[in-house]
Amino acid sequence: MDREGPSGDPTTTEQAATCTRFNVVPFPCADASKLGIALQTQRHLPLNALRHPPAAGTCGWYIWWGDTWTSDPEFYQPLHVAHLGDRCPDIIPHLALPPGWRVQLAPGHEDCWFDEALLHV
């Protein structure tokens, strides 16, 4: 069952359960908001994601695969949250984690942690 998050955007039951496991209030992403995703790295592992505070129509999430991260603006492509199910369904249960959170996923591996530095960028 879906429920409304603090901003009025839907938070799925799975997203709410993830937030409950990490003892945080869900901070959902609107389907119309954008995130940055490095689709060219998709064949690598692990899946990595981090969330900055939302700004200018973005939800703050940046997603890439593998061990290499770069701040090069060409590394990420914009993607609406509504299309994430087609491109990166594994991150969807974690999308309601609030700004400041990082996620790393691989088969049999889930690591989620808060990184306060993400709030001050």
PDB file of N, CA and C in Angstrom:
ATOM      1  N   MET A   1       0.844  -1.180   0.000  1.00  0.00           N
ATOM      2  CA  MET A   1       0.000   0.000   0.000  1.00  0.00           C
ATOM      3  C   MET A   1       0.888   1.241   0.000  1.00  0.00           C
ATOM      4  N   ASP A   2       0.502   2.236  -0.796  1.00  0.00           N
ATOM      5  CA  ASP A   2       1.247   3.489  -0.839  1.00  0.00           C
ATOM      6  C   ASP A   2       0.730   4.436   0.224  1.00  0.00           C
ATOM      7  N   ARG A   3       1.561   5.389   0.594  1.00  0.00           N
ATOM      8  CA  ARG A   3       1.138   6.416   1.535  1.00  0.00           C
ATOM      9  C   ARG A   3       1.786   7.721   1.112  1.00  0.00           C
ATOM     10  N   GLU A   4       1.296   8.797   1.629  1.00  0.00           N
ATOM     11  CA  GLU A   4       1.821  10.107   1.282  1.00  0.00           C
ATOM     12  C   GLU A   4       3.001  10.458   2.169  1.00  0.00           C
ATOM     13  N   GLY A   5       4.084  10.942   1.557  1.00  0.00           N
ATOM     14  CA  GLY A   5       5.247  11.413   2.292  1.00  0.00           C
ATOM     15  C   GLY A   5       5.039  12.845   2.735  1.00  0.00           C
ATOM     16  N   PRO A   6       6.040  13.446   3.414  1.00  0.00           N
ATOM     17  CA  PRO A   6       5.892  14.793   3.960  1.00  0.00           C
ATOM     18  C   PRO A   6       5.667  15.856   2.907  1.00  0.00           C
ATOM     19  N   SER A   7       6.117  15.633   1.670  1.00  0.00           N
ATOM     20  CA  SER A   7       5.926  16.641   0.632  1.00  0.00           C
ATOM     21  C   SER A   7       4.690  16.364  -0.209  1.00  0.00           C
ATOM     22  N   GLY A   8       3.908  15.338   0.150  1.00  0.00           N
ATOM     23  CA  GLY A   8       2.714  14.997  -0.607  1.00  0.00           C
ATOM     24  C   GLY A   8       2.989  14.011  -1.727  1.00  0.00           C
ATOM     25  N   ASP A   9       4.248  13.636  -1.938  1.00  0.00           N
ATOM     26  CA  ASP A   9       4.603  12.681  -2.969  1.00  0.00           C
ATOM     27  C   ASP A   9       4.434  11.269  -2.413  1.00  0.00           C
ATOM     28  N   PRO A  10       4.078  10.327  -3.266  1.00  0.00           N
ATOM     29  CA  PRO A  10       3.857   8.974  -2.757  1.00  0.00           C
ATOM     30  C   PRO A  10       5.152   8.304  -2.310  1.00  0.00           C
ATOM     31  N   THR A  11       5.077   7.618  -1.214  1.00  0.00           N
ATOM     32  CA  THR A  11       6.163   6.773  -0.727  1.00  0.00           C
ATOM     33  C   THR A  11       5.626   5.356  -0.761  1.00  0.00           C
ATOM     34  N   THR A  12       6.292   4.465  -1.471  1.00  0.00           N
ATOM     35  CA  THR A  12       5.804   3.093  -1.532  1.00  0.00           C
ATOM     36  C   THR A  12       6.015   2.416  -0.185  1.00  0.00           C
ATOM     37  N   THR A  13       5.311   1.342   0.013  1.00  0.00           N
ATOM     38  CA  THR A  13       5.467   0.567   1.242  1.00  0.00           C
ATOM     39  C   THR A  13       6.902   0.095   1.383  1.00  0.00           C
ATOM     40  N   GLU A  14       7.509  -0.316   0.287  1.00  0.00           N
ATOM     41  CA  GLU A  14       8.899  -0.791   0.311  1.00  0.00           C
ATOM     42  C   GLU A  14       9.859   0.342   0.696  1.00  0.00           C
ATOM     43  N   GLN A  15       9.631   1.547   0.174  1.00  0.00           N
ATOM     44  CA  GLN A  15      10.460   2.691   0.538  1.00  0.00           C
ATOM     45  C   GLN A  15      10.267   3.051   2.007  1.00  0.00           C
ATOM     46  N   ALA A  16       9.044   3.016   2.475  1.00  0.00           N
ATOM     47  CA  ALA A  16       8.771   3.305   3.885  1.00  0.00           C
ATOM     48  C   ALA A  16       9.466   2.276   4.779  1.00  0.00           C
ATOM     49  N   ALA A  17       9.451   1.011   4.363  1.00  0.00           N
ATOM     50  CA  ALA A  17      10.107  -0.033   5.153  1.00  0.00           C
ATOM     51  C   ALA A  17      11.624   0.195   5.207  1.00  0.00           C
ATOM     52  N   THR A  18      12.211   0.624   4.099  1.00  0.00           N
ATOM     53  CA  THR A  18      13.649   0.925   4.090  1.00  0.00           C
ATOM     54  C   THR A  18      13.948   2.051   5.061  1.00  0.00           C
ATOM     55  N   CYS A  19      13.149   3.100   5.034  1.00  0.00           N
ATOM     56  CA  CYS A  19      13.354   4.227   5.944  1.00  0.00           C
ATOM     57  C   CYS A  19      13.179   3.798   7.399  1.00  0.00           C
ATOM     58  N   THR A  20      12.224   2.937   7.665  1.00  0.00           N
ATOM     59  CA  THR A  20      12.015   2.428   9.014  1.00  0.00           C
ATOM     60  C   THR A  20      13.236   1.646   9.482  1.00  0.00           C
ATOM     61  N   ARG A  21      13.809   0.817   8.606  1.00  0.00           N
ATOM     62  CA  ARG A  21      15.002   0.044   8.979  1.00  0.00           C
ATOM     63  C   ARG A  21      16.163   0.943   9.397  1.00  0.00           C
ATOM     64  N   PHE A  22      16.248   2.132   8.765  1.00  0.00           N
ATOM     65  CA  PHE A  22      17.349   3.043   9.074  1.00  0.00           C
ATOM     66  C   PHE A  22      16.919   4.188   9.997  1.00  0.00           C
ATOM     67  N   ASN A  23      15.705   4.070  10.538  1.00  0.00           N
ATOM     68  CA  ASN A  23      15.194   5.014  11.530  1.00  0.00           C
ATOM     69  C   ASN A  23      15.199   6.466  11.038  1.00  0.00           C
ATOM     70  N   VAL A  24      14.710   6.673   9.808  1.00  0.00           N
ATOM     71  CA  VAL A  24      14.606   8.016   9.248  1.00  0.00           C
ATOM     72  C   VAL A  24      13.191   8.248   8.727  1.00  0.00           C
ATOM     73  N   VAL A  25      12.795   9.489   8.700  1.00  0.00           N
ATOM     74  CA  VAL A  25      11.502   9.872   8.135  1.00  0.00           C
ATOM     75  C   VAL A  25      11.631   9.867   6.615  1.00  0.00           C
ATOM     76  N   PRO A  26      10.707   9.229   5.907  1.00  0.00           N
ATOM     77  CA  PRO A  26      10.792   9.204   4.445  1.00  0.00           C
ATOM     78  C   PRO A  26      10.808  10.612   3.852  1.00  0.00           C
ATOM     79  N   PHE A  27      11.621  10.809   2.838  1.00  0.00           N
ATOM     80  CA  PHE A  27      11.754  12.057   2.098  1.00  0.00           C
ATOM     81  C   PHE A  27      11.610  11.676   0.617  1.00  0.00           C
ATOM     82  N   PRO A  28      10.360  11.501   0.164  1.00  0.00           N
ATOM     83  CA  PRO A  28      10.111  10.921  -1.158  1.00  0.00           C
ATOM     84  C   PRO A  28      10.527  11.833  -2.311  1.00  0.00           C
ATOM     85  N   CYS A  29      10.675  11.208  -3.466  1.00  0.00           N
ATOM     86  CA  CYS A  29      10.993  11.909  -4.710  1.00  0.00           C
ATOM     87  C   CYS A  29       9.738  11.976  -5.571  1.00  0.00           C
ATOM     88  N   ALA A  30       9.439  13.137  -6.100  1.00  0.00           N
ATOM     89  CA  ALA A  30       8.325  13.269  -7.036  1.00  0.00           C
ATOM     90  C   ALA A  30       8.699  12.608  -8.358  1.00  0.00           C
ATOM     91  N   ASP A  31       7.749  11.937  -8.988  1.00  0.00           N
ATOM     92  CA  ASP A  31       8.013  11.277 -10.268  1.00  0.00           C
ATOM     93  C   ASP A  31       8.520  12.263 -11.320  1.00  0.00           C
ATOM     94  N   ALA A  32       8.093  13.511 -11.239  1.00  0.00           N
ATOM     95  CA  ALA A  32       8.485  14.520 -12.228  1.00  0.00           C
ATOM     96  C   ALA A  32       9.861  15.128 -11.945  1.00  0.00           C
ATOM     97  N   SER A  33      10.431  14.857 -10.769  1.00  0.00           N
ATOM     98  CA  SER A  33      11.753  15.411 -10.473  1.00  0.00           C
ATOM     99  C   SER A  33      12.814  14.605 -11.218  1.00  0.00           C
ATOM    100  N   LYS A  34      13.988  15.202 -11.346  1.00  0.00           N
ATOM    101  CA  LYS A  34      15.088  14.558 -12.065  1.00  0.00           C
ATOM    102  C   LYS A  34      16.192  14.159 -11.099  1.00  0.00           C
ATOM    103  N   LEU A  35      16.980  13.195 -11.553  1.00  0.00           N
ATOM    104  CA  LEU A  35      18.188  12.781 -10.839  1.00  0.00           C
ATOM    105  C   LEU A  35      19.289  12.666 -11.874  1.00  0.00           C
ATOM    106  N   GLY A  36      20.523  12.501 -11.403  1.00  0.00           N
ATOM    107  CA  GLY A  36      21.649  12.285 -12.300  1.00  0.00           C
ATOM    108  C   GLY A  36      22.021  10.819 -12.284  1.00  0.00           C
ATOM    109  N   ILE A  37      22.207  10.234 -13.466  1.00  0.00           N
ATOM    110  CA  ILE A  37      22.534   8.815 -13.556  1.00  0.00           C
ATOM    111  C   ILE A  37      23.606   8.610 -14.618  1.00  0.00           C
ATOM    112  N   ALA A  38      24.600   7.805 -14.314  1.00  0.00           N
ATOM    113  CA  ALA A  38      25.697   7.508 -15.238  1.00  0.00           C
ATOM    114  C   ALA A  38      25.399   6.183 -15.937  1.00  0.00           C
ATOM    115  N   LEU A  39      24.543   6.228 -16.935  1.00  0.00           N
ATOM    116  CA  LEU A  39      24.099   5.008 -17.607  1.00  0.00           C
ATOM    117  C   LEU A  39      25.239   4.258 -18.287  1.00  0.00           C
ATOM    118  N   GLN A  40      26.285   4.972 -18.685  1.00  0.00           N
ATOM    119  CA  GLN A  40      27.415   4.329 -19.366  1.00  0.00           C
ATOM    120  C   GLN A  40      28.194   3.391 -18.449  1.00  0.00           C
ATOM    121  N   THR A  41      27.964   3.450 -17.140  1.00  0.00           N
ATOM    122  CA  THR A  41      28.673   2.586 -16.191  1.00  0.00           C
ATOM    123  C   THR A  41      27.834   1.386 -15.761  1.00  0.00           C
ATOM    124  N   GLN A  42      26.666   1.221 -16.339  1.00  0.00           N
ATOM    125  CA  GLN A  42      25.672   0.262 -15.863  1.00  0.00           C
ATOM    126  C   GLN A  42      26.145  -1.190 -15.848  1.00  0.00           C
ATOM    127  N   ARG A  43      27.107  -1.561 -16.615  1.00  0.00           N
ATOM    128  CA  ARG A  43      27.548  -2.969 -16.653  1.00  0.00           C
ATOM    129  C   ARG A  43      28.503  -3.322 -15.514  1.00  0.00           C
ATOM    130  N   HIS A  44      28.829  -2.366 -14.669  1.00  0.00           N
ATOM    131  CA  HIS A  44      29.776  -2.576 -13.570  1.00  0.00           C
ATOM    132  C   HIS A  44      29.042  -2.784 -12.240  1.00  0.00           C
ATOM    133  N   LEU A  45      29.760  -3.261 -11.249  1.00  0.00           N
ATOM    134  CA  LEU A  45      29.261  -3.380  -9.874  1.00  0.00           C
ATOM    135  C   LEU A  45      30.272  -2.730  -8.951  1.00  0.00           C
ATOM    136  N   PRO A  46      29.839  -2.215  -7.834  1.00  0.00           N
ATOM    137  CA  PRO A  46      28.477  -2.170  -7.286  1.00  0.00           C
ATOM    138  C   PRO A  46      27.692  -0.984  -7.841  1.00  0.00           C
ATOM    139  N   LEU A  47      26.406  -0.979  -7.518  1.00  0.00           N
ATOM    140  CA  LEU A  47      25.546   0.179  -7.761  1.00  0.00           C
ATOM    141  C   LEU A  47      25.780   1.149  -6.606  1.00  0.00           C
ATOM    142  N   ASN A  48      26.047   2.410  -6.928  1.00  0.00           N
ATOM    143  CA  ASN A  48      26.283   3.441  -5.920  1.00  0.00           C
ATOM    144  C   ASN A  48      25.285   4.574  -6.104  1.00  0.00           C
ATOM    145  N   ALA A  49      24.874   5.158  -5.008  1.00  0.00           N
ATOM    146  CA  ALA A  49      23.974   6.304  -5.075  1.00  0.00           C
ATOM    147  C   ALA A  49      24.229   7.202  -3.870  1.00  0.00           C
ATOM    148  N   LEU A  50      24.067   8.485  -4.091  1.00  0.00           N
ATOM    149  CA  LEU A  50      24.158   9.445  -2.992  1.00  0.00           C
ATOM    150  C   LEU A  50      23.115  10.523  -3.224  1.00  0.00           C
ATOM    151  N   ARG A  51      22.683  11.146  -2.112  1.00  0.00           N
ATOM    152  CA  ARG A  51      21.613  12.146  -2.220  1.00  0.00           C
ATOM    153  C   ARG A  51      22.035  13.460  -1.578  1.00  0.00           C
ATOM    154  N   HIS A  52      22.079  14.475  -2.419  1.00  0.00           N
ATOM    155  CA  HIS A  52      22.260  15.850  -1.974  1.00  0.00           C
ATOM    156  C   HIS A  52      20.876  16.450  -1.710  1.00  0.00           C
ATOM    157  N   PRO A  53      20.788  17.607  -1.091  1.00  0.00           N
ATOM    158  CA  PRO A  53      19.486  18.269  -0.963  1.00  0.00           C
ATOM    159  C   PRO A  53      18.900  18.581  -2.343  1.00  0.00           C
ATOM    160  N   PRO A  54      17.592  18.462  -2.506  1.00  0.00           N
ATOM    161  CA  PRO A  54      16.962  18.785  -3.790  1.00  0.00           C
ATOM    162  C   PRO A  54      17.191  20.245  -4.164  1.00  0.00           C
ATOM    163  N   ALA A  55      17.306  20.480  -5.472  1.00  0.00           N
ATOM    164  CA  ALA A  55      17.476  21.847  -5.973  1.00  0.00           C
ATOM    165  C   ALA A  55      17.062  21.904  -7.433  1.00  0.00           C
ATOM    166  N   ALA A  56      16.420  22.973  -7.814  1.00  0.00           N
ATOM    167  CA  ALA A  56      16.097  23.266  -9.223  1.00  0.00           C
ATOM    168  C   ALA A  56      15.448  22.092  -9.960  1.00  0.00           C
ATOM    169  N   GLY A  57      14.424  21.489  -9.374  1.00  0.00           N
ATOM    170  CA  GLY A  57      13.695  20.413 -10.035  1.00  0.00           C
ATOM    171  C   GLY A  57      14.337  19.042  -9.940  1.00  0.00           C
ATOM    172  N   THR A  58      15.426  18.946  -9.171  1.00  0.00           N
ATOM    173  CA  THR A  58      16.049  17.635  -8.979  1.00  0.00           C
ATOM    174  C   THR A  58      15.669  17.097  -7.604  1.00  0.00           C
ATOM    175  N   CYS A  59      15.773  15.782  -7.451  1.00  0.00           N
ATOM    176  CA  CYS A  59      15.493  15.174  -6.146  1.00  0.00           C
ATOM    177  C   CYS A  59      16.770  15.012  -5.328  1.00  0.00           C
ATOM    178  N   GLY A  60      17.937  15.295  -5.939  1.00  0.00           N
ATOM    179  CA  GLY A  60      19.206  15.227  -5.228  1.00  0.00           C
ATOM    180  C   GLY A  60      19.981  13.939  -5.404  1.00  0.00           C
ATOM    181  N   TRP A  61      19.370  12.905  -5.980  1.00  0.00           N
ATOM    182  CA  TRP A  61      20.053  11.621  -6.140  1.00  0.00           C
ATOM    183  C   TRP A  61      21.000  11.627  -7.336  1.00  0.00           C
ATOM    184  N   TYR A  62      22.168  11.003  -7.140  1.00  0.00           N
ATOM    185  CA  TYR A  62      23.129  10.728  -8.209  1.00  0.00           C
ATOM    186  C   TYR A  62      23.449   9.246  -8.128  1.00  0.00           C
ATOM    187  N   ILE A  63      23.395   8.566  -9.290  1.00  0.00           N
ATOM    188  CA  ILE A  63      23.536   7.116  -9.339  1.00  0.00           C
ATOM    189  C   ILE A  63      24.601   6.749 -10.365  1.00  0.00           C
ATOM    190  N   TRP A  64      25.476   5.807  -9.989  1.00  0.00           N
ATOM    191  CA  TRP A  64      26.473   5.275 -10.915  1.00  0.00           C
ATOM    192  C   TRP A  64      26.831   3.858 -10.487  1.00  0.00           C
ATOM    193  N   TRP A  65      27.482   3.138 -11.356  1.00  0.00           N
ATOM    194  CA  TRP A  65      27.912   1.771 -11.090  1.00  0.00           C
ATOM    195  C   TRP A  65      29.430   1.707 -11.137  1.00  0.00           C
ATOM    196  N   GLY A  66      30.006   0.809 -10.352  1.00  0.00           N
ATOM    197  CA  GLY A  66      31.445   0.601 -10.357  1.00  0.00           C
ATOM    198  C   GLY A  66      32.140   1.430  -9.298  1.00  0.00           C
ATOM    199  N   ASP A  67      33.464   1.354  -9.320  1.00  0.00           N
ATOM    200  CA  ASP A  67      34.270   2.014  -8.299  1.00  0.00           C
ATOM    201  C   ASP A  67      34.701   3.428  -8.671  1.00  0.00           C
ATOM    202  N   THR A  68      34.487   3.839  -9.898  1.00  0.00           N
ATOM    203  CA  THR A  68      34.965   5.142 -10.351  1.00  0.00           C
ATOM    204  C   THR A  68      33.855   6.173 -10.284  1.00  0.00           C
ATOM    205  N   TRP A  69      34.118   7.241  -9.551  1.00  0.00           N
ATOM    206  CA  TRP A  69      33.194   8.371  -9.458  1.00  0.00           C
ATOM    207  C   TRP A  69      33.928   9.602  -9.944  1.00  0.00           C
ATOM    208  N   THR A  70      33.217  10.492 -10.572  1.00  0.00           N
ATOM    209  CA  THR A  70      33.816  11.739 -11.030  1.00  0.00           C
ATOM    210  C   THR A  70      32.818  12.872 -10.832  1.00  0.00           C
ATOM    211  N   SER A  71      33.329  14.062 -10.659  1.00  0.00           N
ATOM    212  CA  SER A  71      32.463  15.233 -10.559  1.00  0.00           C
ATOM    213  C   SER A  71      32.261  15.875 -11.927  1.00  0.00           C
ATOM    214  N   ASP A  72      32.792  15.277 -12.982  1.00  0.00           N
ATOM    215  CA  ASP A  72      32.625  15.790 -14.341  1.00  0.00           C
ATOM    216  C   ASP A  72      31.138  15.859 -14.672  1.00  0.00           C
ATOM    217  N   PRO A  73      30.634  17.043 -15.037  1.00  0.00           N
ATOM    218  CA  PRO A  73      29.198  17.172 -15.323  1.00  0.00           C
ATOM    219  C   PRO A  73      28.732  16.295 -16.484  1.00  0.00           C
ATOM    220  N   GLU A  74      29.638  15.866 -17.351  1.00  0.00           N
ATOM    221  CA  GLU A  74      29.271  14.999 -18.468  1.00  0.00           C
ATOM    222  C   GLU A  74      29.095  13.539 -18.040  1.00  0.00           C
ATOM    223  N   PHE A  75      29.504  13.199 -16.828  1.00  0.00           N
ATOM    224  CA  PHE A  75      29.422  11.827 -16.324  1.00  0.00           C
ATOM    225  C   PHE A  75      27.966  11.397 -16.127  1.00  0.00           C
ATOM    226  N   TYR A  76      27.116  12.314 -15.701  1.00  0.00           N
ATOM    227  CA  TYR A  76      25.713  12.015 -15.396  1.00  0.00           C
ATOM    228  C   TYR A  76      24.782  12.548 -16.472  1.00  0.00           C
ATOM    229  N   GLN A  77      23.712  11.790 -16.713  1.00  0.00           N
ATOM    230  CA  GLN A  77      22.643  12.240 -17.588  1.00  0.00           C
ATOM    231  C   GLN A  77      21.407  12.457 -16.726  1.00  0.00           C
ATOM    232  N   PRO A  78      20.584  13.454 -17.064  1.00  0.00           N
ATOM    233  CA  PRO A  78      19.357  13.655 -16.299  1.00  0.00           C
ATOM    234  C   PRO A  78      18.328  12.581 -16.649  1.00  0.00           C
ATOM    235  N   LEU A  79      17.581  12.163 -15.644  1.00  0.00           N
ATOM    236  CA  LEU A  79      16.525  11.176 -15.829  1.00  0.00           C
ATOM    237  C   LEU A  79      15.406  11.500 -14.860  1.00  0.00           C
ATOM    238  N   HIS A  80      14.168  11.495 -15.357  1.00  0.00           N
ATOM    239  CA  HIS A  80      13.034  11.684 -14.453  1.00  0.00           C
ATOM    240  C   HIS A  80      12.884  10.449 -13.571  1.00  0.00           C
ATOM    241  N   VAL A  81      12.532  10.671 -12.327  1.00  0.00           N
ATOM    242  CA  VAL A  81      12.317   9.578 -11.373  1.00  0.00           C
ATOM    243  C   VAL A  81      11.306   8.574 -11.926  1.00  0.00           C
ATOM    244  N   ALA A  82      10.306   9.041 -12.647  1.00  0.00           N
ATOM    245  CA  ALA A  82       9.274   8.160 -13.195  1.00  0.00           C
ATOM    246  C   ALA A  82       9.849   7.087 -14.116  1.00  0.00           C
ATOM    247  N   HIS A  83      11.021   7.318 -14.718  1.00  0.00           N
ATOM    248  CA  HIS A  83      11.628   6.371 -15.652  1.00  0.00           C
ATOM    249  C   HIS A  83      12.679   5.483 -14.995  1.00  0.00           C
ATOM    250  N   LEU A  84      12.880   5.642 -13.711  1.00  0.00           N
ATOM    251  CA  LEU A  84      13.921   4.893 -13.010  1.00  0.00           C
ATOM    252  C   LEU A  84      13.649   3.390 -12.998  1.00  0.00           C
ATOM    253  N   GLY A  85      12.393   3.002 -12.975  1.00  0.00           N
ATOM    254  CA  GLY A  85      12.045   1.577 -12.985  1.00  0.00           C
ATOM    255  C   GLY A  85      12.560   0.853 -14.214  1.00  0.00           C
ATOM    256  N   ASP A  86      12.675   1.557 -15.341  1.00  0.00           N
ATOM    257  CA  ASP A  86      13.204   0.976 -16.573  1.00  0.00           C
ATOM    258  C   ASP A  86      14.725   0.936 -16.585  1.00  0.00           C
ATOM    259  N   ARG A  87      15.368   1.849 -15.885  1.00  0.00           N
ATOM    260  CA  ARG A  87      16.821   2.000 -15.958  1.00  0.00           C
ATOM    261  C   ARG A  87      17.574   1.440 -14.755  1.00  0.00           C
ATOM    262  N   CYS A  88      16.973   1.556 -13.557  1.00  0.00           N
ATOM    263  CA  CYS A  88      17.676   1.141 -12.334  1.00  0.00           C
ATOM    264  C   CYS A  88      16.671   0.770 -11.242  1.00  0.00           C
ATOM    265  N   PRO A  89      15.918  -0.305 -11.437  1.00  0.00           N
ATOM    266  CA  PRO A  89      14.890  -0.654 -10.457  1.00  0.00           C
ATOM    267  C   PRO A  89      15.442  -1.015  -9.077  1.00  0.00           C
ATOM    268  N   ASP A  90      16.696  -1.434  -8.993  1.00  0.00           N
ATOM    269  CA  ASP A  90      17.257  -1.849  -7.702  1.00  0.00           C
ATOM    270  C   ASP A  90      17.332  -0.709  -6.691  1.00  0.00           C
ATOM    271  N   ILE A  91      17.401   0.537  -7.135  1.00  0.00           N
ATOM    272  CA  ILE A  91      17.528   1.662  -6.206  1.00  0.00           C
ATOM    273  C   ILE A  91      16.164   2.137  -5.689  1.00  0.00           C
ATOM    274  N   ILE A  92      15.103   1.762  -6.330  1.00  0.00           N
ATOM    275  CA  ILE A  92      13.773   2.293  -5.981  1.00  0.00           C
ATOM    276  C   ILE A  92      13.413   2.104  -4.504  1.00  0.00           C
ATOM    277  N   PRO A  93      13.699   0.962  -3.870  1.00  0.00           N
ATOM    278  CA  PRO A  93      13.356   0.842  -2.444  1.00  0.00           C
ATOM    279  C   PRO A  93      14.080   1.849  -1.547  1.00  0.00           C
ATOM    280  N   HIS A  94      15.160   2.453  -2.046  1.00  0.00           N
ATOM    281  CA  HIS A  94      15.965   3.377  -1.247  1.00  0.00           C
ATOM    282  C   HIS A  94      15.684   4.851  -1.563  1.00  0.00           C
ATOM    283  N   LEU A  95      14.828   5.123  -2.524  1.00  0.00           N
ATOM    284  CA  LEU A  95      14.623   6.497  -2.995  1.00  0.00           C
ATOM    285  C   LEU A  95      14.077   7.458  -1.955  1.00  0.00           C
ATOM    286  N   ALA A  96      13.402   6.974  -0.948  1.00  0.00           N
ATOM    287  CA  ALA A  96      12.840   7.882   0.072  1.00  0.00           C
ATOM    288  C   ALA A  96      13.822   8.174   1.204  1.00  0.00           C
ATOM    289  N   LEU A  97      15.032   7.609   1.138  1.00  0.00           N
ATOM    290  CA  LEU A  97      16.039   8.002   2.135  1.00  0.00           C
ATOM    291  C   LEU A  97      16.322   9.493   1.960  1.00  0.00           C
ATOM    292  N   PRO A  98      16.452  10.231   3.036  1.00  0.00           N
ATOM    293  CA  PRO A  98      16.591  11.686   2.921  1.00  0.00           C
ATOM    294  C   PRO A  98      17.961  12.118   2.417  1.00  0.00           C
ATOM    295  N   PRO A  99      18.084  13.390   2.053  1.00  0.00           N
ATOM    296  CA  PRO A  99      19.386  13.924   1.662  1.00  0.00           C
ATOM    297  C   PRO A  99      20.436  13.618   2.740  1.00  0.00           C
ATOM    298  N   GLY A 100      21.646  13.341   2.257  1.00  0.00           N
ATOM    299  CA  GLY A 100      22.738  12.987   3.149  1.00  0.00           C
ATOM    300  C   GLY A 100      23.012  11.494   3.183  1.00  0.00           C
ATOM    301  N   TRP A 101      22.177  10.705   2.536  1.00  0.00           N
ATOM    302  CA  TRP A 101      22.349   9.252   2.567  1.00  0.00           C
ATOM    303  C   TRP A 101      23.088   8.751   1.330  1.00  0.00           C
ATOM    304  N   ARG A 102      23.852   7.692   1.546  1.00  0.00           N
ATOM    305  CA  ARG A 102      24.562   6.974   0.491  1.00  0.00           C
ATOM    306  C   ARG A 102      24.091   5.523   0.491  1.00  0.00           C
ATOM    307  N   VAL A 103      24.117   4.924  -0.693  1.00  0.00           N
ATOM    308  CA  VAL A 103      23.686   3.531  -0.847  1.00  0.00           C
ATOM    309  C   VAL A 103      24.694   2.824  -1.744  1.00  0.00           C
ATOM    310  N   GLN A 104      25.024   1.591  -1.388  1.00  0.00           N
ATOM    311  CA  GLN A 104      25.837   0.739  -2.254  1.00  0.00           C
ATOM    312  C   GLN A 104      25.173  -0.633  -2.286  1.00  0.00           C
ATOM    313  N   LEU A 105      24.901  -1.113  -3.499  1.00  0.00           N
ATOM    314  CA  LEU A 105      24.207  -2.388  -3.686  1.00  0.00           C
ATOM    315  C   LEU A 105      24.965  -3.282  -4.655  1.00  0.00           C
ATOM    316  N   ALA A 106      24.979  -4.551  -4.362  1.00  0.00           N
ATOM    317  CA  ALA A 106      25.514  -5.593  -5.239  1.00  0.00           C
ATOM    318  C   ALA A 106      24.787  -6.881  -4.852  1.00  0.00           C
ATOM    319  N   PRO A 107      24.886  -7.920  -5.667  1.00  0.00           N
ATOM    320  CA  PRO A 107      24.222  -9.161  -5.281  1.00  0.00           C
ATOM    321  C   PRO A 107      24.648  -9.612  -3.885  1.00  0.00           C
ATOM    322  N   GLY A 108      23.685  -9.780  -2.990  1.00  0.00           N
ATOM    323  CA  GLY A 108      23.948 -10.197  -1.621  1.00  0.00           C
ATOM    324  C   GLY A 108      24.552  -9.122  -0.737  1.00  0.00           C
ATOM    325  N   HIS A 109      24.553  -7.868  -1.195  1.00  0.00           N
ATOM    326  CA  HIS A 109      25.196  -6.775  -0.445  1.00  0.00           C
ATOM    327  C   HIS A 109      24.327  -5.521  -0.475  1.00  0.00           C
ATOM    328  N   GLU A 110      24.093  -4.948   0.700  1.00  0.00           N
ATOM    329  CA  GLU A 110      23.413  -3.661   0.829  1.00  0.00           C
ATOM    330  C   GLU A 110      24.124  -2.885   1.934  1.00  0.00           C
ATOM    331  N   ASP A 111      24.592  -1.707   1.591  1.00  0.00           N
ATOM    332  CA  ASP A 111      25.229  -0.836   2.575  1.00  0.00           C
ATOM    333  C   ASP A 111      24.613   0.554   2.413  1.00  0.00           C
ATOM    334  N   CYS A 112      24.028   1.065   3.482  1.00  0.00           N
ATOM    335  CA  CYS A 112      23.417   2.389   3.483  1.00  0.00           C
ATOM    336  C   CYS A 112      23.939   3.142   4.692  1.00  0.00           C
ATOM    337  N   TRP A 113      24.361   4.396   4.480  1.00  0.00           N
ATOM    338  CA  TRP A 113      24.889   5.176   5.590  1.00  0.00           C
ATOM    339  C   TRP A 113      24.677   6.661   5.347  1.00  0.00           C
ATOM    340  N   PHE A 114      24.640   7.387   6.452  1.00  0.00           N
ATOM    341  CA  PHE A 114      24.465   8.833   6.417  1.00  0.00           C
ATOM    342  C   PHE A 114      25.826   9.495   6.317  1.00  0.00           C
ATOM    343  N   ASP A 115      25.941  10.480   5.423  1.00  0.00           N
ATOM    344  CA  ASP A 115      27.176  11.230   5.210  1.00  0.00           C
ATOM    345  C   ASP A 115      26.823  12.717   5.256  1.00  0.00           C
ATOM    346  N   GLU A 116      27.021  13.335   6.405  1.00  0.00           N
ATOM    347  CA  GLU A 116      26.628  14.732   6.600  1.00  0.00           C
ATOM    348  C   GLU A 116      27.271  15.671   5.578  1.00  0.00           C
ATOM    349  N   ALA A 117      28.438  15.331   5.068  1.00  0.00           N
ATOM    350  CA  ALA A 117      29.116  16.180   4.091  1.00  0.00           C
ATOM    351  C   ALA A 117      28.258  16.412   2.849  1.00  0.00           C
ATOM    352  N   LEU A 118      27.381  15.475   2.513  1.00  0.00           N
ATOM    353  CA  LEU A 118      26.511  15.627   1.340  1.00  0.00           C
ATOM    354  C   LEU A 118      25.524  16.772   1.512  1.00  0.00           C
ATOM    355  N   LEU A 119      25.265  17.170   2.728  1.00  0.00           N
ATOM    356  CA  LEU A 119      24.304  18.247   2.984  1.00  0.00           C
ATOM    357  C   LEU A 119      24.925  19.630   2.801  1.00  0.00           C
ATOM    358  N   HIS A 120      26.231  19.690   2.690  1.00  0.00           N
ATOM    359  CA  HIS A 120      26.937  20.980   2.657  1.00  0.00           C
ATOM    360  C   HIS A 120      27.644  21.210   1.332  1.00  0.00           C
ATOM    361  N   VAL A 121      27.154  20.617   0.271  1.00  0.00           N
ATOM    362  CA  VAL A 121      27.787  20.767  -1.044  1.00  0.00           C
ATOM    363  C   VAL A 121      27.034  21.783  -1.858  1.00  0.00           C
TER     364      VAL A 121
END
